[in-house]
């Protein structure tokens, strides 16, 4: 066989080999993601489909005007929805600001940096039930550490979880305490991914630390901020465990949030069809909020 024939035969065989390798890579890739797909399908897609089925097969004809009227007339739902909006409006920006501040702190060259990182991240690894139990003790009237500290300064104690005016803010504090350390990890990763030459250039130009943070650091962290904000907003509408442990939504639904109310409708009042409709409202609210966040922040994001 001539040299030309050998080269032609090899060229003809390469595409087949490449195609076979591509098929193997595709099969291997799907095999790697298959466990995650099964979990997502079982615990995300299936409940969503089941909620749709329950909502559209309700005894009153599914999602009709009667269902809409039921939600319009549900005063508890109105209160819970407002509670959740206030809860999100406070906990999301507070968690982000505190997380960014902690990340900036532990990213610097300070003594005990590793210990600080561990201390800030520790609340994240605690189960929410355990964290709620700890704060339930903190908020205990007369005997909890908060009231004892107030007594040291001659101030009266307070029933933090039993008063409508302070029950929801007390829940907010627990949420911020638990989530800020989690979001700090993302900001810390973003800060460590920045080129150190940027800060050196700012110093050579005579820019202050605040100017460098506002004009350089913060814009470069906008992709991280968008991700954290979407995650925090979604999490603010999925709070159940610590409400169940600490207040059960009381007093007088002052600390009840939307997902906890859906839980009560489904498993206390045994109205699974109305709970399914409320679940659709929750999903639609989260999609709308995520869409608005992307529309507002996407223009300010600088991808590298």
Protein backbone atom coordinates (compact mmCIF):
# COMPACT_ATOMS: atom_id res chain seq x y z
CA UNK A 1 0.00 0.00 0.00
CA UNK A 2 1.37 3.36 -0.96
CA UNK A 3 2.02 6.16 1.48
CA UNK A 4 -0.83 8.19 0.01
CA UNK A 5 -3.26 5.32 0.55
CA UNK A 6 -2.20 4.93 4.18
CA UNK A 7 -2.73 8.64 4.88
CA UNK A 8 -6.15 8.57 3.22
CA UNK A 9 -7.19 5.52 5.21
CA UNK A 10 -6.06 7.12 8.46
CA UNK A 11 -7.94 10.33 7.68
CA UNK A 12 -11.07 8.32 6.95
CA UNK A 13 -10.77 6.45 10.25
CA UNK A 14 -10.29 9.54 12.42
CA UNK A 15 -13.87 10.89 12.13
CA UNK A 16 -15.30 7.56 13.23
CA UNK A 17 -12.96 7.42 16.19
CA UNK A 18 -13.79 11.00 17.15
CA UNK A 19 -17.51 10.28 16.91
CA UNK A 20 -17.15 7.20 19.12
CA UNK A 21 -15.13 9.19 21.65
CA UNK A 22 -17.77 11.93 21.65
CA UNK A 23 -20.50 9.35 22.27
CA UNK A 24 -18.54 7.89 25.17
CA UNK A 25 -18.00 11.34 26.66
CA UNK A 26 -21.69 12.13 26.32
CA UNK A 27 -22.73 8.88 27.98
CA UNK A 28 -20.17 9.40 30.73
CA UNK A 29 -21.37 12.94 31.32
CA UNK A 30 -25.01 11.89 31.61
CA UNK A 31 -23.97 9.07 33.95
CA UNK A 32 -22.25 11.59 36.22
CA UNK A 33 -25.24 13.93 36.41
CA UNK A 34 -27.83 11.13 36.59
CA UNK A 35 -27.90 10.95 40.43
CA UNK A 36 -28.46 14.69 40.69
CA UNK A 37 -31.15 14.55 38.01
CA UNK A 38 -32.93 11.78 39.90
CA UNK A 39 -32.88 13.81 43.13
CA UNK A 40 -34.10 16.96 41.35
CA UNK A 41 -36.86 15.04 39.60
CA UNK A 42 -37.97 13.31 42.81
CA UNK A 43 -37.85 16.27 45.19
CA UNK A 44 -38.40 19.28 42.88
CA UNK A 45 -40.10 18.44 39.61
CA UNK A 46 -42.44 15.78 40.98
CA UNK A 47 -43.78 18.00 43.83
CA UNK A 48 -44.33 20.86 41.36
CA UNK A 49 -46.24 18.60 38.97
CA UNK A 50 -48.21 17.14 41.89
CA UNK A 51 -49.11 20.65 43.07
CA UNK A 52 -50.35 21.50 39.60
CA UNK A 53 -52.46 18.36 39.51
CA UNK A 54 -53.97 19.09 42.94
CA UNK A 55 -54.59 22.72 42.05
CA UNK A 56 -56.39 21.95 38.81
CA UNK A 57 -58.35 19.01 40.20
CA UNK A 58 -59.76 20.77 43.25
CA UNK A 59 -63.36 19.96 44.15
CA UNK A 60 -64.37 23.54 43.36
CA UNK A 61 -63.16 23.26 39.79
CA UNK A 62 -59.47 23.92 40.08
CA UNK A 63 -57.92 27.35 39.77
CA UNK A 64 -61.14 29.15 38.98
CA UNK A 65 -62.66 32.41 40.16
CA UNK A 66 -63.82 30.62 43.31
CA UNK A 67 -60.23 29.78 44.23
CA UNK A 68 -59.18 33.34 43.50
CA UNK A 69 -62.02 34.65 45.65
CA UNK A 70 -60.94 32.31 48.44
CA UNK A 71 -57.45 33.79 48.37
CA UNK A 72 -58.81 37.34 48.17
CA UNK A 73 -61.01 36.73 51.21
CA UNK A 74 -58.29 34.95 53.19
CA UNK A 75 -57.18 37.63 55.66
CA UNK A 76 -54.58 35.32 57.19
CA UNK A 77 -52.99 34.87 53.77
CA UNK A 78 -52.82 38.63 53.31
CA UNK A 79 -51.09 39.07 56.65
CA UNK A 80 -48.70 36.21 56.02
CA UNK A 81 -47.80 37.54 52.57
CA UNK A 82 -47.06 41.00 53.96
CA UNK A 83 -44.99 39.38 56.72
CA UNK A 84 -42.95 37.55 54.10
CA UNK A 85 -42.37 40.67 52.03
CA UNK A 86 -41.18 42.56 55.12
CA UNK A 87 -39.09 39.57 56.13
CA UNK A 88 -37.39 39.46 52.71
CA UNK A 89 -36.94 43.24 52.55
CA UNK A 90 -35.02 43.16 55.85
CA UNK A 91 -33.14 39.86 55.88
CA UNK A 92 -31.88 39.84 52.27
CA UNK A 93 -30.02 43.19 52.26
CA UNK A 94 -28.91 42.77 55.88
CA UNK A 95 -27.45 39.32 55.20
CA UNK A 96 -25.69 40.55 52.06
CA UNK A 97 -24.17 43.62 53.72
CA UNK A 98 -22.99 41.66 56.76
CA UNK A 99 -21.62 38.85 54.57
CA UNK A 100 -19.68 41.32 52.43
CA UNK A 101 -18.31 43.08 55.51
CA UNK A 102 -17.16 39.78 57.03
CA UNK A 103 -15.59 38.70 53.74
CA UNK A 104 -13.65 41.96 53.46
CA UNK A 105 -12.48 41.57 57.05
CA UNK A 106 -11.27 37.97 56.86
CA UNK A 107 -9.75 38.52 53.41
CA UNK A 108 -7.22 40.94 54.86
CA UNK A 109 -3.91 39.99 56.42
CA UNK A 110 -4.96 39.88 60.05
CA UNK A 111 -4.01 37.64 62.95
CA UNK A 112 -6.45 34.81 63.65
CA UNK A 113 -7.91 34.99 60.16
CA UNK A 114 -8.56 31.25 60.01
CA UNK A 115 -10.33 31.31 63.37
CA UNK A 116 -12.53 34.22 62.29
CA UNK A 117 -13.51 32.45 59.09
CA UNK A 118 -14.45 29.37 61.07
CA UNK A 119 -16.41 31.42 63.60
CA UNK A 120 -18.36 33.27 60.91
CA UNK A 121 -19.15 30.07 59.02
CA UNK A 122 -20.10 27.94 62.05
CA UNK A 123 -23.79 29.01 62.19
CA UNK A 124 -24.20 27.82 58.60
CA UNK A 125 -23.32 24.20 59.41
CA UNK A 126 -25.78 24.04 62.30
CA UNK A 127 -29.14 22.46 61.47
CA UNK A 128 -31.89 25.06 61.51
CA UNK A 129 -33.71 23.19 64.28
CA UNK A 130 -30.59 23.30 66.45
CA UNK A 131 -30.05 26.99 65.71
CA UNK A 132 -33.70 27.73 66.52
CA UNK A 133 -33.39 25.86 69.81
CA UNK A 134 -30.34 27.91 70.76
CA UNK A 135 -32.08 31.19 70.03
CA UNK A 136 -35.23 29.98 71.74
CA UNK A 137 -33.16 29.80 74.91
CA UNK A 138 -31.66 33.25 74.21
CA UNK A 139 -35.15 34.75 73.89
CA UNK A 140 -36.56 33.06 77.01
CA UNK A 141 -38.20 35.77 79.17
CA UNK A 142 -36.39 36.53 82.45
CA UNK A 143 -34.01 33.56 82.17
CA UNK A 144 -32.51 33.94 78.70
CA UNK A 145 -29.13 35.64 78.17
CA UNK A 146 -30.74 38.62 76.42
CA UNK A 147 -33.04 39.45 79.33
CA UNK A 148 -30.26 38.78 81.84
CA UNK A 149 -28.07 41.27 80.00
CA UNK A 150 -30.88 43.82 80.06
CA UNK A 151 -31.27 43.30 83.82
CA UNK A 152 -27.56 44.07 84.30
CA UNK A 153 -28.16 47.53 82.84
CA UNK A 154 -31.35 47.99 84.83
CA UNK A 155 -33.66 47.50 81.86
CA UNK A 156 -36.84 45.43 82.03
CA UNK A 157 -37.10 42.07 80.31
CA UNK A 158 -39.30 41.39 77.34
CA UNK A 159 -41.24 38.47 75.87
CA UNK A 160 -39.52 38.65 72.49
CA UNK A 161 -41.34 35.76 70.84
CA UNK A 162 -44.68 36.31 72.56
CA UNK A 163 -45.23 39.91 71.52
CA UNK A 164 -46.59 40.65 68.02
CA UNK A 165 -44.31 43.66 67.57
CA UNK A 166 -41.08 41.74 68.25
CA UNK A 167 -41.84 38.16 67.17
CA UNK A 168 -41.05 38.67 63.47
CA UNK A 169 -37.92 40.82 64.08
CA UNK A 170 -36.66 38.11 66.45
CA UNK A 171 -37.07 35.54 63.67
CA UNK A 172 -35.25 37.88 61.28
CA UNK A 173 -32.25 38.05 63.61
CA UNK A 174 -31.95 34.26 63.63
CA UNK A 175 -32.14 34.10 59.84
CA UNK A 176 -29.50 36.80 59.33
CA UNK A 177 -27.22 35.18 61.92
CA UNK A 178 -27.46 31.83 60.17
CA UNK A 179 -27.21 32.91 56.53
CA UNK A 180 -24.62 35.70 56.60
CA UNK A 181 -21.75 33.25 57.11
CA UNK A 182 -22.92 31.16 54.16
CA UNK A 183 -22.99 34.14 51.82
CA UNK A 184 -19.61 35.26 53.16
CA UNK A 185 -18.00 32.22 51.50
CA UNK A 186 -19.12 33.36 48.04
CA UNK A 187 -17.90 36.91 48.58
CA UNK A 188 -14.61 35.63 49.96
CA UNK A 189 -14.14 33.49 46.84
CA UNK A 190 -14.90 36.51 44.66
CA UNK A 191 -12.40 38.69 46.52
CA UNK A 192 -9.66 36.09 46.31
CA UNK A 193 -10.27 35.73 42.58
CA UNK A 194 -9.47 39.40 41.96
CA UNK A 195 -6.07 40.33 40.60
CA UNK A 196 -3.95 42.05 43.28
CA UNK A 197 -2.63 44.39 40.57
CA UNK A 198 -5.95 46.26 40.68
CA UNK A 199 -5.40 47.39 44.26
CA UNK A 200 -1.79 48.25 43.53
CA UNK A 201 -2.86 50.38 40.57
CA UNK A 202 -5.38 52.22 42.76
CA UNK A 203 -2.70 52.98 45.32
CA UNK A 204 -0.36 54.31 42.63
CA UNK A 205 -3.14 56.58 41.41
CA UNK A 206 -3.69 57.86 44.95
CA UNK A 207 -7.21 56.47 45.29
CA UNK A 208 -8.58 55.96 48.78
CA UNK A 209 -9.63 52.57 50.09
CA UNK A 210 -13.29 53.58 49.95
CA UNK A 211 -12.97 54.81 46.36
CA UNK A 212 -11.27 51.54 45.33
CA UNK A 213 -14.02 49.53 47.02
CA UNK A 214 -16.81 51.56 45.44
CA UNK A 215 -15.35 51.82 41.92
CA UNK A 216 -13.40 48.56 41.56
CA UNK A 217 -14.22 45.92 44.16
CA UNK A 218 -17.99 46.32 44.29
CA UNK A 219 -18.54 46.32 40.50
CA UNK A 220 -16.38 43.22 40.10
CA UNK A 221 -18.41 41.50 42.82
CA UNK A 222 -21.74 42.19 41.10
CA UNK A 223 -22.01 38.65 39.59
CA UNK A 224 -21.57 37.25 43.10
CA UNK A 225 -24.06 39.76 44.47
CA UNK A 226 -26.67 38.75 41.91
CA UNK A 227 -26.22 35.07 42.76
CA UNK A 228 -26.33 35.71 46.50
CA UNK A 229 -29.37 37.96 46.19
CA UNK A 230 -31.37 35.39 44.22
CA UNK A 231 -30.44 32.65 46.69
CA UNK A 232 -31.25 34.86 49.69
CA UNK A 233 -34.57 35.98 48.24
CA UNK A 234 -35.58 32.40 47.51
CA UNK A 235 -34.53 31.29 50.99
CA UNK A 236 -36.55 34.10 52.59
CA UNK A 237 -39.73 32.55 51.18
CA UNK A 238 -38.81 29.02 52.29
CA UNK A 239 -38.56 29.51 56.05
CA UNK A 240 -40.32 26.80 58.07
CA UNK A 241 -38.12 25.05 60.61
CA UNK A 242 -37.24 27.84 63.03
CA UNK A 243 -40.76 29.25 62.88
CA UNK A 244 -42.11 25.82 63.78
CA UNK A 245 -39.69 25.52 66.71
CA UNK A 246 -39.80 29.07 68.04
CA UNK A 247 -43.25 30.61 67.49
CA UNK A 248 -45.54 28.31 65.47
CA UNK A 249 -46.41 31.44 63.52
CA UNK A 250 -47.75 33.30 66.55
CA UNK A 251 -48.78 35.31 68.26
CA UNK A 252 -51.83 35.96 66.07
CA UNK A 253 -49.87 35.03 62.89
CA UNK A 254 -47.43 37.87 63.56
CA UNK A 255 -44.43 35.67 62.69
CA UNK A 256 -46.06 33.35 60.18
CA UNK A 257 -44.56 33.25 56.68
CA UNK A 258 -45.96 31.99 53.40
CA UNK A 259 -44.42 28.51 53.28
CA UNK A 260 -45.26 27.86 56.93
CA UNK A 261 -48.86 28.90 56.23
CA UNK A 262 -48.95 26.48 53.29
CA UNK A 263 -47.70 23.77 55.64
CA UNK A 264 -50.49 24.54 58.12
CA UNK A 265 -53.15 24.54 55.40
CA UNK A 266 -51.96 21.19 54.10
CA UNK A 267 -51.15 19.29 57.31
CA UNK A 268 -53.22 21.03 60.00
CA UNK A 269 -56.37 21.99 58.11
CA UNK A 270 -55.97 19.09 55.62
CA UNK A 271 -56.93 21.25 52.64
CA UNK A 272 -54.38 19.94 50.17
CA UNK A 273 -56.03 21.54 47.14
CA UNK A 274 -55.94 25.05 48.59
CA UNK A 275 -52.37 24.39 49.72
CA UNK A 276 -51.50 23.42 46.14
CA UNK A 277 -52.96 26.68 44.86
CA UNK A 278 -50.96 28.63 47.44
CA UNK A 279 -47.86 26.73 46.35
CA UNK A 280 -48.40 27.95 42.81
CA UNK A 281 -48.69 31.49 44.16
CA UNK A 282 -45.38 31.00 46.01
CA UNK A 283 -43.62 29.67 42.90
CA UNK A 284 -45.00 32.51 40.77
CA UNK A 285 -43.83 35.06 43.36
CA UNK A 286 -40.31 33.62 43.41
CA UNK A 287 -40.12 33.58 39.61
CA UNK A 288 -41.28 37.19 39.42
CA UNK A 289 -38.78 38.33 42.06
CA UNK A 290 -35.92 36.47 40.36
CA UNK A 291 -36.88 38.00 37.00
CA UNK A 292 -36.92 41.50 38.49
CA UNK A 293 -33.54 40.98 40.14
CA UNK A 294 -31.98 39.82 36.89
CA UNK A 295 -33.49 42.73 34.95
CA UNK A 296 -32.30 45.32 37.47
CA UNK A 297 -28.81 43.96 38.20
CA UNK A 298 -27.85 42.40 34.87
CA UNK A 299 -27.05 45.81 33.37
CA UNK A 300 -24.64 46.59 36.19
CA UNK A 301 -22.71 43.34 36.01
CA UNK A 302 -19.28 43.28 34.40
CA UNK A 303 -18.27 39.75 33.44
CA UNK A 304 -14.62 39.01 32.87
